[in-house]
Amino acid sequence: MTPVEVDGERFEVTERISEPGVYEIRWVSGPHDGYGFATSSYYGERKTEAELEDAIRNFLRQVGPSGYIE
């Protein structure tokens, strides 16, 4: 598990051991405990830190006032 901060929000990123290139991203500082998303790369390649941060920013853009993707 790797802590990541993006735009003032804290996340924990975990790569699935059984599925290389698939990441579970949990929004630690978000309003709903355990809420987050998964992202993956093509062909099981590892994502760069910049790619993971872009995925997180995309997630945050989709979150509405409820604290969930709307």
C-alpha atoms as a PDB file:
ATOM      1  CA  MET A   1       0.000   0.000   0.000  1.00  0.00           C
ATOM      2  CA  THR A   2       1.388   3.363  -1.027  1.00  0.00           C
ATOM      3  CA  PRO A   3       0.078   6.662   0.339  1.00  0.00           C
ATOM      4  CA  VAL A   4      -0.501   9.319  -2.319  1.00  0.00           C
ATOM      5  CA  GLU A   5      -1.680  12.915  -1.993  1.00  0.00           C
ATOM      6  CA  VAL A   6      -3.361  14.606  -4.950  1.00  0.00           C
ATOM      7  CA  ASP A   7      -4.842  18.104  -4.834  1.00  0.00           C
ATOM      8  CA  GLY A   8      -4.932  18.031  -1.033  1.00  0.00           C
ATOM      9  CA  GLU A   9      -6.752  14.679  -0.871  1.00  0.00           C
ATOM     10  CA  ARG A  10      -5.129  11.531   0.526  1.00  0.00           C
ATOM     11  CA  PHE A  11      -5.349   8.101  -1.094  1.00  0.00           C
ATOM     12  CA  GLU A  12      -3.908   4.629  -0.576  1.00  0.00           C
ATOM     13  CA  VAL A  13      -2.843   2.810  -3.733  1.00  0.00           C
ATOM     14  CA  THR A  14      -2.461  -0.963  -3.784  1.00  0.00           C
ATOM     15  CA  GLU A  15      -1.490  -3.010  -6.820  1.00  0.00           C
ATOM     16  CA  ARG A  16      -3.289  -6.349  -6.988  1.00  0.00           C
ATOM     17  CA  ILE A  17      -0.712  -9.111  -6.632  1.00  0.00           C
ATOM     18  CA  SER A  18      -2.726 -11.588  -8.675  1.00  0.00           C
ATOM     19  CA  GLU A  19      -3.444  -9.045 -11.430  1.00  0.00           C
ATOM     20  CA  PRO A  20      -0.387  -7.011 -12.433  1.00  0.00           C
ATOM     21  CA  GLY A  21      -1.265  -3.531 -13.653  1.00  0.00           C
ATOM     22  CA  VAL A  22      -4.540  -3.405 -11.679  1.00  0.00           C
ATOM     23  CA  TYR A  23      -4.696  -0.915  -8.812  1.00  0.00           C
ATOM     24  CA  GLU A  24      -7.154  -0.427  -5.960  1.00  0.00           C
ATOM     25  CA  ILE A  25      -7.272   3.230  -4.927  1.00  0.00           C
ATOM     26  CA  ARG A  26      -8.950   4.105  -1.630  1.00  0.00           C
ATOM     27  CA  TRP A  27      -9.870   7.704  -0.798  1.00  0.00           C
ATOM     28  CA  VAL A  28      -8.552   8.012   2.756  1.00  0.00           C
ATOM     29  CA  SER A  29      -9.512  11.657   3.319  1.00  0.00           C
ATOM     30  CA  GLY A  30     -12.897  11.323   1.600  1.00  0.00           C
ATOM     31  CA  PRO A  31     -16.252  11.509   3.360  1.00  0.00           C
ATOM     32  CA  HIS A  32     -17.072   7.792   2.983  1.00  0.00           C
ATOM     33  CA  ASP A  33     -14.853   5.205   4.663  1.00  0.00           C
ATOM     34  CA  GLY A  34     -13.411   2.716   2.200  1.00  0.00           C
ATOM     35  CA  TYR A  35     -14.714   4.506  -0.899  1.00  0.00           C
ATOM     36  CA  GLY A  36     -12.519   4.554  -3.960  1.00  0.00           C
ATOM     37  CA  PHE A  37     -12.052   2.949  -7.340  1.00  0.00           C
ATOM     38  CA  ALA A  38      -9.911   0.593  -9.381  1.00  0.00           C
ATOM     39  CA  THR A  39      -7.847   1.367 -12.443  1.00  0.00           C
ATOM     40  CA  SER A  40      -5.776  -0.780 -14.750  1.00  0.00           C
ATOM     41  CA  SER A  41      -3.254  -0.587 -17.526  1.00  0.00           C
ATOM     42  CA  TYR A  42      -3.110  -2.437 -20.795  1.00  0.00           C
ATOM     43  CA  TYR A  43      -1.219  -5.712 -20.954  1.00  0.00           C
ATOM     44  CA  GLY A  44      -0.469  -5.758 -17.214  1.00  0.00           C
ATOM     45  CA  GLU A  45       2.086  -2.970 -17.391  1.00  0.00           C
ATOM     46  CA  ARG A  46       2.691  -0.982 -14.229  1.00  0.00           C
ATOM     47  CA  LYS A  47       1.336   2.545 -14.171  1.00  0.00           C
ATOM     48  CA  THR A  48       3.663   5.427 -13.477  1.00  0.00           C
ATOM     49  CA  GLU A  49       3.099   7.734 -10.524  1.00  0.00           C
ATOM     50  CA  ALA A  50       1.925  10.438 -12.956  1.00  0.00           C
ATOM     51  CA  GLU A  51      -0.596   8.042 -14.535  1.00  0.00           C
ATOM     52  CA  LEU A  52      -1.978   7.098 -11.123  1.00  0.00           C
ATOM     53  CA  GLU A  53      -2.263  10.774 -10.164  1.00  0.00           C
ATOM     54  CA  ASP A  54      -4.126  11.468 -13.427  1.00  0.00           C
ATOM     55  CA  ALA A  55      -6.544   8.620 -12.658  1.00  0.00           C
ATOM     56  CA  ILE A  56      -7.136  10.070  -9.189  1.00  0.00           C
ATOM     57  CA  ARG A  57      -7.757  13.562 -10.581  1.00  0.00           C
ATOM     58  CA  ASN A  58     -10.244  12.113 -13.050  1.00  0.00           C
ATOM     59  CA  PHE A  59     -12.008  10.350 -10.169  1.00  0.00           C
ATOM     60  CA  LEU A  60     -12.155  13.569  -8.130  1.00  0.00           C
ATOM     61  CA  ARG A  61     -13.670  15.480 -11.079  1.00  0.00           C
ATOM     62  CA  GLN A  62     -16.539  12.974 -11.137  1.00  0.00           C
ATOM     63  CA  VAL A  63     -17.325  13.175  -7.418  1.00  0.00           C
ATOM     64  CA  GLY A  64     -20.344  15.315  -6.624  1.00  0.00           C
ATOM     65  CA  PRO A  65     -21.551  17.041  -3.461  1.00  0.00           C
ATOM     66  CA  SER A  66     -22.684  13.680  -2.053  1.00  0.00           C
ATOM     67  CA  GLY A  67     -19.073  12.508  -1.959  1.00  0.00           C
ATOM     68  CA  TYR A  68     -19.819   9.810  -4.532  1.00  0.00           C
ATOM     69  CA  ILE A  69     -19.375   9.656  -8.301  1.00  0.00           C
ATOM     70  CA  GLU A  70     -22.477  11.137  -9.869  1.00  0.00           C
END
